[in-house]
Amino acid sequence: WHEDNVDADEIRVVCLLCHEGDDTAEGLLAHMKEKHEFDLVKLIDENHLDVYQRMKLINYIRKQNSKPVCFVCQRDDIENTQELAKHLQERERPIKSLPDKSLWDTEECLVPVFGNDNFLWRLESLLESRDAASDTEEQTSRESGKIYAAFVAKSQRNTVEGVIAEDLPDLHDLKDVLQELL
């Protein structure tokens, strides 16, 4: 019953750089990549951020936006969030790196800017799924490699040194020889 009464805005994820939202983390990440040239997942991967660092970074960006202060260049003389969005669009595109870690990797940034930031947990769910799939692929690849190595080893055990397949007699000739002997 309670789930039927959930407001659509309560489950939407909100962009880190504007007021746009989406129903999925994937959709929001695509929006940020296309509209703002901000590839959050790539930056997370390049900087090897763990779960807490990812949360701190997202909370830091949201906190800076609410002030409004540019999280990229730290410019703090911006009038409002619309001006900040314009500044980010005109001056900071593409966003190719994260701000200095000392600015956002703090205990204070573990606290979300708004109570139920769905993007935090949806991003984590997405990254965990991706990493689990990657781990499964690696395991499958390792197992395939082991199977291949076992076949190669068996083939080597069954190989006679110095004999080339072309040197083997033709089976039809052997059949004729055997019939003559019988």
N, C-alpha and C. Protein backbone atom coordinates (compact mmCIF):
# COMPACT_ATOMS: atom_id res chain seq x y z
N TRP A 1 0.82 -1.19 0.00
CA TRP A 1 0.00 0.00 0.00
C TRP A 1 0.85 1.25 0.00
N HIS A 2 1.86 1.26 0.85
CA HIS A 2 2.71 2.44 0.95
C HIS A 2 3.42 2.73 -0.37
N GLU A 3 3.84 1.66 -1.05
CA GLU A 3 4.58 1.84 -2.31
C GLU A 3 3.72 2.50 -3.38
N ASP A 4 2.41 2.26 -3.34
CA ASP A 4 1.52 2.87 -4.32
C ASP A 4 1.40 4.37 -4.13
N ASN A 5 1.67 4.84 -2.92
CA ASN A 5 1.52 6.26 -2.61
C ASN A 5 2.82 7.04 -2.73
N VAL A 6 3.89 6.42 -3.19
CA VAL A 6 5.17 7.09 -3.31
C VAL A 6 5.10 8.11 -4.44
N ASP A 7 5.49 9.32 -4.15
CA ASP A 7 5.52 10.40 -5.13
C ASP A 7 6.64 10.12 -6.13
N ALA A 8 6.40 10.39 -7.40
CA ALA A 8 7.41 10.15 -8.44
C ALA A 8 8.69 10.92 -8.15
N ASP A 9 8.58 12.12 -7.57
CA ASP A 9 9.77 12.91 -7.26
C ASP A 9 10.62 12.27 -6.18
N GLU A 10 10.02 11.42 -5.35
CA GLU A 10 10.77 10.78 -4.28
C GLU A 10 11.70 9.70 -4.81
N ILE A 11 11.43 9.17 -5.99
CA ILE A 11 12.27 8.10 -6.51
C ILE A 11 13.15 8.56 -7.67
N ARG A 12 12.97 9.78 -8.12
CA ARG A 12 13.81 10.31 -9.21
C ARG A 12 15.19 10.65 -8.69
N VAL A 13 16.16 10.59 -9.57
CA VAL A 13 17.52 11.00 -9.23
C VAL A 13 17.77 12.34 -9.90
N VAL A 14 18.41 13.25 -9.17
CA VAL A 14 18.59 14.62 -9.63
C VAL A 14 20.03 14.84 -10.06
N CYS A 15 20.19 15.54 -11.17
CA CYS A 15 21.50 15.85 -11.74
C CYS A 15 22.35 16.62 -10.73
N LEU A 16 23.65 16.39 -10.76
CA LEU A 16 24.58 17.10 -9.89
C LEU A 16 24.84 18.52 -10.38
N LEU A 17 24.53 18.81 -11.64
CA LEU A 17 24.92 20.09 -12.23
C LEU A 17 23.75 20.97 -12.66
N CYS A 18 22.54 20.45 -12.63
CA CYS A 18 21.37 21.25 -12.98
C CYS A 18 20.16 20.68 -12.26
N HIS A 19 18.98 21.13 -12.60
CA HIS A 19 17.77 20.67 -11.91
C HIS A 19 17.07 19.52 -12.63
N GLU A 20 17.67 19.00 -13.68
CA GLU A 20 17.08 17.87 -14.40
C GLU A 20 17.09 16.63 -13.52
N GLY A 21 16.15 15.74 -13.79
CA GLY A 21 16.09 14.49 -13.07
C GLY A 21 15.80 13.34 -14.01
N ASP A 22 15.94 12.14 -13.51
CA ASP A 22 15.66 10.95 -14.30
C ASP A 22 15.17 9.86 -13.36
N ASP A 23 14.55 8.85 -13.92
CA ASP A 23 14.06 7.74 -13.11
C ASP A 23 15.15 6.74 -12.77
N THR A 24 16.26 6.77 -13.50
CA THR A 24 17.33 5.79 -13.28
C THR A 24 18.68 6.49 -13.17
N ALA A 25 19.60 5.82 -12.48
CA ALA A 25 20.96 6.34 -12.39
C ALA A 25 21.62 6.32 -13.77
N GLU A 26 21.33 5.28 -14.56
CA GLU A 26 21.90 5.19 -15.90
C GLU A 26 21.49 6.38 -16.75
N GLY A 27 20.20 6.71 -16.69
CA GLY A 27 19.68 7.85 -17.45
C GLY A 27 20.30 9.16 -17.01
N LEU A 28 20.47 9.32 -15.70
CA LEU A 28 21.06 10.55 -15.18
C LEU A 28 22.54 10.65 -15.57
N LEU A 29 23.25 9.55 -15.48
CA LEU A 29 24.67 9.55 -15.88
C LEU A 29 24.80 9.90 -17.36
N ALA A 30 23.91 9.37 -18.19
CA ALA A 30 23.93 9.69 -19.62
C ALA A 30 23.65 11.18 -19.83
N HIS A 31 22.68 11.72 -19.09
CA HIS A 31 22.36 13.15 -19.17
C HIS A 31 23.59 14.00 -18.82
N MET A 32 24.26 13.66 -17.71
CA MET A 32 25.42 14.45 -17.28
C MET A 32 26.55 14.37 -18.31
N LYS A 33 26.70 13.20 -18.89
CA LYS A 33 27.75 13.00 -19.89
C LYS A 33 27.45 13.79 -21.17
N GLU A 34 26.20 13.74 -21.62
CA GLU A 34 25.82 14.41 -22.87
C GLU A 34 25.67 15.92 -22.70
N LYS A 35 24.91 16.34 -21.70
CA LYS A 35 24.60 17.76 -21.56
C LYS A 35 25.74 18.56 -20.93
N HIS A 36 26.41 17.97 -19.94
CA HIS A 36 27.43 18.71 -19.19
C HIS A 36 28.86 18.27 -19.49
N GLU A 37 29.00 17.23 -20.31
CA GLU A 37 30.32 16.64 -20.59
C GLU A 37 31.03 16.29 -19.29
N PHE A 38 30.28 15.68 -18.40
CA PHE A 38 30.77 15.26 -17.08
C PHE A 38 30.56 13.76 -16.97
N ASP A 39 31.62 12.99 -17.20
CA ASP A 39 31.54 11.53 -17.15
C ASP A 39 31.94 11.08 -15.75
N LEU A 40 30.97 11.07 -14.86
CA LEU A 40 31.23 10.77 -13.45
C LEU A 40 31.82 9.38 -13.26
N VAL A 41 31.29 8.39 -13.93
CA VAL A 41 31.78 7.02 -13.76
C VAL A 41 33.24 6.91 -14.22
N LYS A 42 33.57 7.56 -15.31
CA LYS A 42 34.96 7.53 -15.80
C LYS A 42 35.89 8.17 -14.77
N LEU A 43 35.48 9.30 -14.21
CA LEU A 43 36.31 9.97 -13.20
C LEU A 43 36.43 9.13 -11.93
N ILE A 44 35.35 8.46 -11.55
CA ILE A 44 35.39 7.56 -10.39
C ILE A 44 36.39 6.44 -10.65
N ASP A 45 36.32 5.84 -11.83
CA ASP A 45 37.23 4.75 -12.18
C ASP A 45 38.68 5.22 -12.26
N GLU A 46 38.90 6.34 -12.93
CA GLU A 46 40.27 6.85 -13.09
C GLU A 46 40.92 7.20 -11.76
N ASN A 47 40.11 7.65 -10.81
CA ASN A 47 40.64 8.06 -9.50
C ASN A 47 40.51 6.97 -8.44
N HIS A 48 40.03 5.79 -8.84
CA HIS A 48 39.91 4.63 -7.95
C HIS A 48 39.20 4.99 -6.65
N LEU A 49 38.03 5.64 -6.77
CA LEU A 49 37.29 6.06 -5.59
C LEU A 49 36.52 4.89 -4.98
N ASP A 50 36.63 4.73 -3.67
CA ASP A 50 35.83 3.71 -2.99
C ASP A 50 34.44 4.26 -2.71
N VAL A 51 33.59 3.46 -2.11
CA VAL A 51 32.20 3.83 -1.90
C VAL A 51 32.07 5.12 -1.07
N TYR A 52 32.87 5.26 -0.03
CA TYR A 52 32.78 6.45 0.81
C TYR A 52 33.28 7.68 0.06
N GLN A 53 34.32 7.53 -0.70
CA GLN A 53 34.83 8.67 -1.48
C GLN A 53 33.82 9.10 -2.54
N ARG A 54 33.13 8.14 -3.14
CA ARG A 54 32.10 8.49 -4.13
C ARG A 54 30.98 9.29 -3.47
N MET A 55 30.56 8.84 -2.30
CA MET A 55 29.51 9.56 -1.57
C MET A 55 29.97 10.96 -1.17
N LYS A 56 31.19 11.06 -0.68
CA LYS A 56 31.73 12.36 -0.29
C LYS A 56 31.79 13.30 -1.49
N LEU A 57 32.23 12.80 -2.62
CA LEU A 57 32.33 13.63 -3.82
C LEU A 57 30.96 14.14 -4.25
N ILE A 58 29.99 13.26 -4.32
CA ILE A 58 28.64 13.66 -4.73
C ILE A 58 28.06 14.67 -3.75
N ASN A 59 28.21 14.40 -2.46
CA ASN A 59 27.70 15.34 -1.45
C ASN A 59 28.41 16.69 -1.54
N TYR A 60 29.71 16.66 -1.80
CA TYR A 60 30.48 17.91 -1.94
C TYR A 60 29.96 18.73 -3.13
N ILE A 61 29.76 18.07 -4.25
CA ILE A 61 29.27 18.78 -5.44
C ILE A 61 27.90 19.39 -5.15
N ARG A 62 27.02 18.62 -4.54
CA ARG A 62 25.69 19.16 -4.21
C ARG A 62 25.80 20.33 -3.23
N LYS A 63 26.67 20.21 -2.25
CA LYS A 63 26.84 21.28 -1.25
C LYS A 63 27.35 22.56 -1.92
N GLN A 64 28.34 22.42 -2.78
CA GLN A 64 28.88 23.59 -3.48
C GLN A 64 27.81 24.23 -4.36
N ASN A 65 27.03 23.42 -5.04
CA ASN A 65 25.98 23.94 -5.91
C ASN A 65 24.92 24.71 -5.12
N SER A 66 24.63 24.27 -3.91
CA SER A 66 23.60 24.94 -3.12
C SER A 66 24.07 26.30 -2.60
N LYS A 67 25.37 26.58 -2.61
CA LYS A 67 25.90 27.83 -2.04
C LYS A 67 25.70 29.06 -2.91
N PRO A 68 25.79 29.24 -4.12
CA PRO A 68 26.39 28.47 -5.22
C PRO A 68 27.88 28.81 -5.41
N VAL A 69 28.68 27.77 -5.41
CA VAL A 69 30.12 27.87 -5.64
C VAL A 69 30.48 26.81 -6.67
N CYS A 70 31.30 27.18 -7.64
CA CYS A 70 31.71 26.22 -8.66
C CYS A 70 32.61 25.16 -8.03
N PHE A 71 32.20 23.91 -8.11
CA PHE A 71 33.00 22.84 -7.52
C PHE A 71 34.28 22.58 -8.31
N VAL A 72 34.34 23.02 -9.56
CA VAL A 72 35.51 22.78 -10.39
C VAL A 72 36.61 23.80 -10.11
N CYS A 73 36.26 25.10 -10.19
CA CYS A 73 37.27 26.16 -10.06
C CYS A 73 37.19 26.91 -8.73
N GLN A 74 36.22 26.58 -7.91
CA GLN A 74 36.01 27.19 -6.60
C GLN A 74 35.56 28.66 -6.66
N ARG A 75 35.14 29.10 -7.82
CA ARG A 75 34.66 30.49 -7.94
C ARG A 75 33.44 30.66 -7.03
N ASP A 76 33.47 31.70 -6.17
CA ASP A 76 32.41 31.87 -5.18
C ASP A 76 31.63 33.18 -5.30
N ASP A 77 31.79 33.89 -6.41
CA ASP A 77 31.06 35.15 -6.60
C ASP A 77 29.88 34.98 -7.56
N ILE A 78 29.34 33.80 -7.61
CA ILE A 78 28.22 33.49 -8.50
C ILE A 78 26.92 33.79 -7.75
N GLU A 79 26.00 34.48 -8.44
CA GLU A 79 24.77 34.99 -7.82
C GLU A 79 23.78 33.90 -7.38
N ASN A 80 23.51 32.93 -8.26
CA ASN A 80 22.48 31.94 -7.97
C ASN A 80 22.77 30.65 -8.74
N THR A 81 21.91 29.66 -8.54
CA THR A 81 22.15 28.36 -9.17
C THR A 81 22.05 28.41 -10.69
N GLN A 82 21.20 29.31 -11.22
CA GLN A 82 21.11 29.45 -12.67
C GLN A 82 22.43 30.00 -13.23
N GLU A 83 23.00 30.98 -12.55
CA GLU A 83 24.30 31.52 -12.98
C GLU A 83 25.39 30.46 -12.86
N LEU A 84 25.31 29.65 -11.82
CA LEU A 84 26.28 28.57 -11.65
C LEU A 84 26.17 27.58 -12.80
N ALA A 85 24.95 27.21 -13.16
CA ALA A 85 24.74 26.29 -14.28
C ALA A 85 25.30 26.88 -15.57
N LYS A 86 25.08 28.17 -15.77
CA LYS A 86 25.61 28.86 -16.95
C LYS A 86 27.13 28.86 -16.93
N HIS A 87 27.72 29.15 -15.77
CA HIS A 87 29.18 29.15 -15.61
C HIS A 87 29.75 27.76 -15.94
N LEU A 88 29.14 26.74 -15.38
CA LEU A 88 29.62 25.37 -15.63
C LEU A 88 29.51 25.02 -17.11
N GLN A 89 28.42 25.45 -17.74
CA GLN A 89 28.18 25.16 -19.15
C GLN A 89 29.18 25.88 -20.05
N GLU A 90 29.46 27.14 -19.74
CA GLU A 90 30.30 27.96 -20.61
C GLU A 90 31.79 27.86 -20.31
N ARG A 91 32.15 27.68 -19.06
CA ARG A 91 33.57 27.78 -18.68
C ARG A 91 34.23 26.47 -18.28
N GLU A 92 33.46 25.53 -17.84
CA GLU A 92 34.06 24.33 -17.25
C GLU A 92 33.85 23.06 -18.07
N ARG A 93 33.30 23.18 -19.26
CA ARG A 93 33.07 22.01 -20.10
C ARG A 93 34.29 21.71 -20.93
N PRO A 94 34.64 20.51 -21.15
CA PRO A 94 34.23 19.32 -20.42
C PRO A 94 34.91 19.26 -19.05
N ILE A 95 34.28 18.60 -18.12
CA ILE A 95 34.86 18.42 -16.79
C ILE A 95 35.70 17.15 -16.86
N LYS A 96 37.01 17.32 -16.90
CA LYS A 96 37.92 16.19 -17.13
C LYS A 96 38.62 15.71 -15.87
N SER A 97 38.49 16.45 -14.77
CA SER A 97 39.16 16.03 -13.55
C SER A 97 38.34 16.43 -12.33
N LEU A 98 38.66 15.81 -11.23
CA LEU A 98 37.98 16.10 -9.98
C LEU A 98 38.68 17.26 -9.27
N PRO A 99 37.95 17.96 -8.41
CA PRO A 99 38.61 18.99 -7.61
C PRO A 99 39.62 18.34 -6.67
N ASP A 100 40.49 19.14 -6.11
CA ASP A 100 41.50 18.64 -5.18
C ASP A 100 40.83 17.80 -4.09
N LYS A 101 41.40 16.66 -3.82
CA LYS A 101 40.82 15.71 -2.87
C LYS A 101 40.65 16.31 -1.47
N SER A 102 41.53 17.22 -1.09
CA SER A 102 41.44 17.82 0.24
C SER A 102 40.16 18.63 0.43
N LEU A 103 39.54 19.04 -0.67
CA LEU A 103 38.30 19.83 -0.59
C LEU A 103 37.08 18.96 -0.30
N TRP A 104 37.05 17.76 -0.82
CA TRP A 104 35.85 16.95 -0.70
C TRP A 104 36.00 15.66 0.09
N ASP A 105 37.20 15.16 0.27
CA ASP A 105 37.39 13.89 0.98
C ASP A 105 37.48 14.16 2.48
N THR A 106 36.35 14.62 3.04
CA THR A 106 36.28 14.96 4.47
C THR A 106 35.08 14.25 5.09
N GLU A 107 35.13 14.09 6.40
CA GLU A 107 34.02 13.46 7.12
C GLU A 107 32.73 14.26 6.94
N GLU A 108 32.85 15.57 6.89
CA GLU A 108 31.69 16.45 6.72
C GLU A 108 30.92 16.13 5.44
N CYS A 109 31.63 15.71 4.42
CA CYS A 109 31.00 15.43 3.13
C CYS A 109 30.32 14.06 3.09
N LEU A 110 30.37 13.32 4.18
CA LEU A 110 29.61 12.07 4.23
C LEU A 110 28.13 12.33 4.45
N VAL A 111 27.80 13.53 4.93
CA VAL A 111 26.40 13.87 5.21
C VAL A 111 25.75 14.39 3.93
N PRO A 112 24.67 13.74 3.48
CA PRO A 112 24.00 14.19 2.25
C PRO A 112 23.42 15.59 2.40
N VAL A 113 23.38 16.32 1.30
CA VAL A 113 22.82 17.67 1.29
C VAL A 113 21.32 17.61 1.49
N PHE A 114 20.65 16.67 0.83
CA PHE A 114 19.24 16.49 1.11
C PHE A 114 19.00 15.06 1.55
N GLY A 115 18.03 14.92 2.44
CA GLY A 115 17.79 13.70 3.19
C GLY A 115 17.89 12.39 2.45
N ASN A 116 17.11 12.22 1.43
CA ASN A 116 17.08 10.93 0.74
C ASN A 116 17.58 11.12 -0.68
N ASP A 117 18.89 11.24 -0.82
CA ASP A 117 19.49 11.43 -2.14
C ASP A 117 19.53 10.07 -2.85
N ASN A 118 18.52 9.81 -3.65
CA ASN A 118 18.40 8.52 -4.34
C ASN A 118 19.59 8.24 -5.25
N PHE A 119 20.21 9.28 -5.75
CA PHE A 119 21.34 9.07 -6.66
C PHE A 119 22.49 8.35 -5.96
N LEU A 120 22.70 8.64 -4.67
CA LEU A 120 23.79 8.00 -3.93
C LEU A 120 23.64 6.48 -3.95
N TRP A 121 22.48 5.98 -3.56
CA TRP A 121 22.35 4.53 -3.48
C TRP A 121 22.12 3.89 -4.84
N ARG A 122 21.50 4.60 -5.76
CA ARG A 122 21.31 4.02 -7.10
C ARG A 122 22.64 3.92 -7.85
N LEU A 123 23.50 4.91 -7.68
CA LEU A 123 24.82 4.84 -8.31
C LEU A 123 25.60 3.66 -7.73
N GLU A 124 25.55 3.49 -6.42
CA GLU A 124 26.25 2.37 -5.79
C GLU A 124 25.73 1.04 -6.30
N SER A 125 24.43 0.93 -6.41
CA SER A 125 23.83 -0.30 -6.93
C SER A 125 24.30 -0.57 -8.36
N LEU A 126 24.32 0.46 -9.17
CA LEU A 126 24.77 0.34 -10.56
C LEU A 126 26.24 -0.10 -10.62
N LEU A 127 27.10 0.55 -9.83
CA LEU A 127 28.53 0.22 -9.85
C LEU A 127 28.78 -1.18 -9.30
N GLU A 128 28.03 -1.58 -8.27
CA GLU A 128 28.18 -2.93 -7.73
C GLU A 128 27.79 -3.98 -8.78
N SER A 129 26.70 -3.73 -9.49
CA SER A 129 26.27 -4.66 -10.55
C SER A 129 27.32 -4.76 -11.64
N ARG A 130 27.85 -3.61 -12.04
CA ARG A 130 28.88 -3.59 -13.08
C ARG A 130 30.12 -4.35 -12.62
N ASP A 131 30.55 -4.10 -11.37
CA ASP A 131 31.74 -4.76 -10.86
C ASP A 131 31.53 -6.27 -10.71
N ALA A 132 30.32 -6.67 -10.30
CA ALA A 132 30.01 -8.09 -10.17
C ALA A 132 30.05 -8.76 -11.54
N ALA A 133 29.50 -8.09 -12.55
CA ALA A 133 29.54 -8.64 -13.91
C ALA A 133 30.97 -8.75 -14.40
N SER A 134 31.78 -7.75 -14.09
CA SER A 134 33.18 -7.76 -14.49
C SER A 134 33.93 -8.90 -13.80
N ASP A 135 33.64 -9.11 -12.49
CA ASP A 135 34.26 -10.21 -11.76
C ASP A 135 33.88 -11.55 -12.36
N THR A 136 32.61 -11.70 -12.75
CA THR A 136 32.13 -12.94 -13.36
C THR A 136 32.85 -13.19 -14.69
N GLU A 137 33.00 -12.13 -15.49
CA GLU A 137 33.71 -12.26 -16.77
C GLU A 137 35.16 -12.67 -16.54
N GLU A 138 35.81 -12.06 -15.54
CA GLU A 138 37.21 -12.40 -15.25
C GLU A 138 37.32 -13.86 -14.82
N GLN A 139 36.39 -14.30 -13.96
CA GLN A 139 36.41 -15.67 -13.49
C GLN A 139 36.19 -16.62 -14.66
N THR A 140 35.23 -16.32 -15.53
CA THR A 140 34.97 -17.15 -16.70
C THR A 140 36.20 -17.20 -17.60
N SER A 141 36.85 -16.06 -17.76
CA SER A 141 38.05 -16.00 -18.59
C SER A 141 39.17 -16.84 -17.98
N ARG A 142 39.33 -16.75 -16.65
CA ARG A 142 40.36 -17.55 -15.97
C ARG A 142 40.06 -19.04 -16.13
N GLU A 143 38.78 -19.42 -15.95
CA GLU A 143 38.40 -20.82 -16.08
C GLU A 143 38.62 -21.31 -17.51
N SER A 144 38.29 -20.48 -18.49
CA SER A 144 38.52 -20.84 -19.89
C SER A 144 40.01 -21.03 -20.15
N GLY A 145 40.80 -20.16 -19.57
CA GLY A 145 42.26 -20.26 -19.71
C GLY A 145 42.78 -21.56 -19.11
N LYS A 146 42.23 -21.95 -17.96
CA LYS A 146 42.65 -23.20 -17.31
C LYS A 146 42.27 -24.40 -18.17
N ILE A 147 41.07 -24.38 -18.72
CA ILE A 147 40.61 -25.48 -19.58
C ILE A 147 41.50 -25.58 -20.81
N TYR A 148 41.80 -24.43 -21.42
CA TYR A 148 42.67 -24.40 -22.60
C TYR A 148 44.04 -24.96 -22.24
N ALA A 149 44.58 -24.54 -21.10
CA ALA A 149 45.90 -25.02 -20.67
C ALA A 149 45.88 -26.53 -20.45
N ALA A 150 44.79 -27.05 -19.89
CA ALA A 150 44.67 -28.49 -19.67
C ALA A 150 44.65 -29.25 -21.00
N PHE A 151 43.92 -28.73 -21.99
CA PHE A 151 43.90 -29.36 -23.31
C PHE A 151 45.28 -29.33 -23.96
N VAL A 152 45.97 -28.23 -23.85
CA VAL A 152 47.31 -28.12 -24.42
C VAL A 152 48.24 -29.12 -23.75
N ALA A 153 48.17 -29.22 -22.42
CA ALA A 153 49.02 -30.16 -21.69
C ALA A 153 48.72 -31.60 -22.11
N LYS A 154 47.43 -31.93 -22.25
CA LYS A 154 47.05 -33.29 -22.67
C LYS A 154 47.55 -33.56 -24.08
N SER A 155 47.42 -32.59 -24.95
CA SER A 155 47.90 -32.74 -26.32
C SER A 155 49.41 -32.96 -26.35
N GLN A 156 50.12 -32.22 -25.50
CA GLN A 156 51.58 -32.37 -25.46
C GLN A 156 51.97 -33.76 -24.95
N ARG A 157 51.22 -34.27 -23.98
CA ARG A 157 51.51 -35.62 -23.46
C ARG A 157 51.27 -36.69 -24.53
N ASN A 158 50.32 -36.44 -25.42
CA ASN A 158 49.98 -37.41 -26.46
C ASN A 158 50.76 -37.20 -27.75
N THR A 159 51.66 -36.28 -27.75
CA THR A 159 52.44 -35.98 -28.95
C THR A 159 53.75 -36.77 -28.93
N VAL A 160 54.08 -37.35 -30.08
CA VAL A 160 55.34 -38.06 -30.22
C VAL A 160 56.35 -37.08 -30.79
N GLU A 161 57.45 -36.90 -30.06
CA GLU A 161 58.49 -35.96 -30.49
C GLU A 161 59.02 -36.34 -31.87
N GLY A 162 59.20 -35.36 -32.71
CA GLY A 162 59.82 -35.54 -34.00
C GLY A 162 58.91 -36.08 -35.09
N VAL A 163 57.67 -36.43 -34.75
CA VAL A 163 56.74 -36.95 -35.76
C VAL A 163 55.85 -35.81 -36.22
N ILE A 164 55.81 -35.64 -37.51
CA ILE A 164 54.97 -34.61 -38.11
C ILE A 164 53.78 -35.31 -38.74
N ALA A 165 52.64 -34.70 -38.68
CA ALA A 165 51.41 -35.32 -39.19
C ALA A 165 51.57 -35.78 -40.64
N GLU A 166 52.36 -35.08 -41.42
CA GLU A 166 52.58 -35.46 -42.82
C GLU A 166 53.37 -36.75 -42.93
N ASP A 167 54.14 -37.08 -41.87
CA ASP A 167 54.94 -38.29 -41.88
C ASP A 167 54.13 -39.55 -41.59
N LEU A 168 52.93 -39.37 -41.05
CA LEU A 168 52.11 -40.52 -40.71
C LEU A 168 51.61 -41.18 -41.99
N PRO A 169 51.55 -42.52 -42.00
CA PRO A 169 51.07 -43.21 -43.20
C PRO A 169 49.59 -42.94 -43.42
N ASP A 170 49.20 -43.07 -44.66
CA ASP A 170 47.80 -42.88 -45.01
C ASP A 170 47.02 -44.09 -44.50
N LEU A 171 45.88 -43.86 -43.89
CA LEU A 171 45.09 -44.95 -43.30
C LEU A 171 44.60 -45.93 -44.37
N HIS A 172 44.33 -45.44 -45.56
CA HIS A 172 43.88 -46.35 -46.62
C HIS A 172 45.00 -47.32 -46.99
N ASP A 173 46.24 -46.86 -47.02
CA ASP A 173 47.37 -47.74 -47.32
C ASP A 173 47.52 -48.80 -46.23
N LEU A 174 47.34 -48.40 -44.98
CA LEU A 174 47.44 -49.36 -43.88
C LEU A 174 46.34 -50.42 -43.98
N LYS A 175 45.17 -50.00 -44.39
CA LYS A 175 44.05 -50.94 -44.53
C LYS A 175 44.38 -52.00 -45.58
N ASP A 176 44.96 -51.56 -46.69
CA ASP A 176 45.35 -52.50 -47.76
C ASP A 176 46.41 -53.47 -47.26
N VAL A 177 47.39 -52.98 -46.53
CA VAL A 177 48.47 -53.83 -46.01
C VAL A 177 47.90 -54.86 -45.05
N LEU A 178 47.00 -54.43 -44.18
CA LEU A 178 46.39 -55.35 -43.21
C LEU A 178 45.57 -56.43 -43.92
N GLN A 179 44.87 -56.09 -44.98
CA GLN A 179 44.07 -57.07 -45.70
C GLN A 179 44.97 -58.10 -46.38
N GLU A 180 46.12 -57.68 -46.87
CA GLU A 180 47.04 -58.62 -47.51
C GLU A 180 47.61 -59.60 -46.51
N LEU A 181 47.85 -59.10 -45.29
CA LEU A 181 48.40 -59.96 -44.25
C LEU A 181 47.38 -60.99 -43.77
N LEU A 182 46.15 -60.67 -43.84
CA LEU A 182 45.12 -61.60 -43.36
C LEU A 182 44.77 -62.56 -44.44
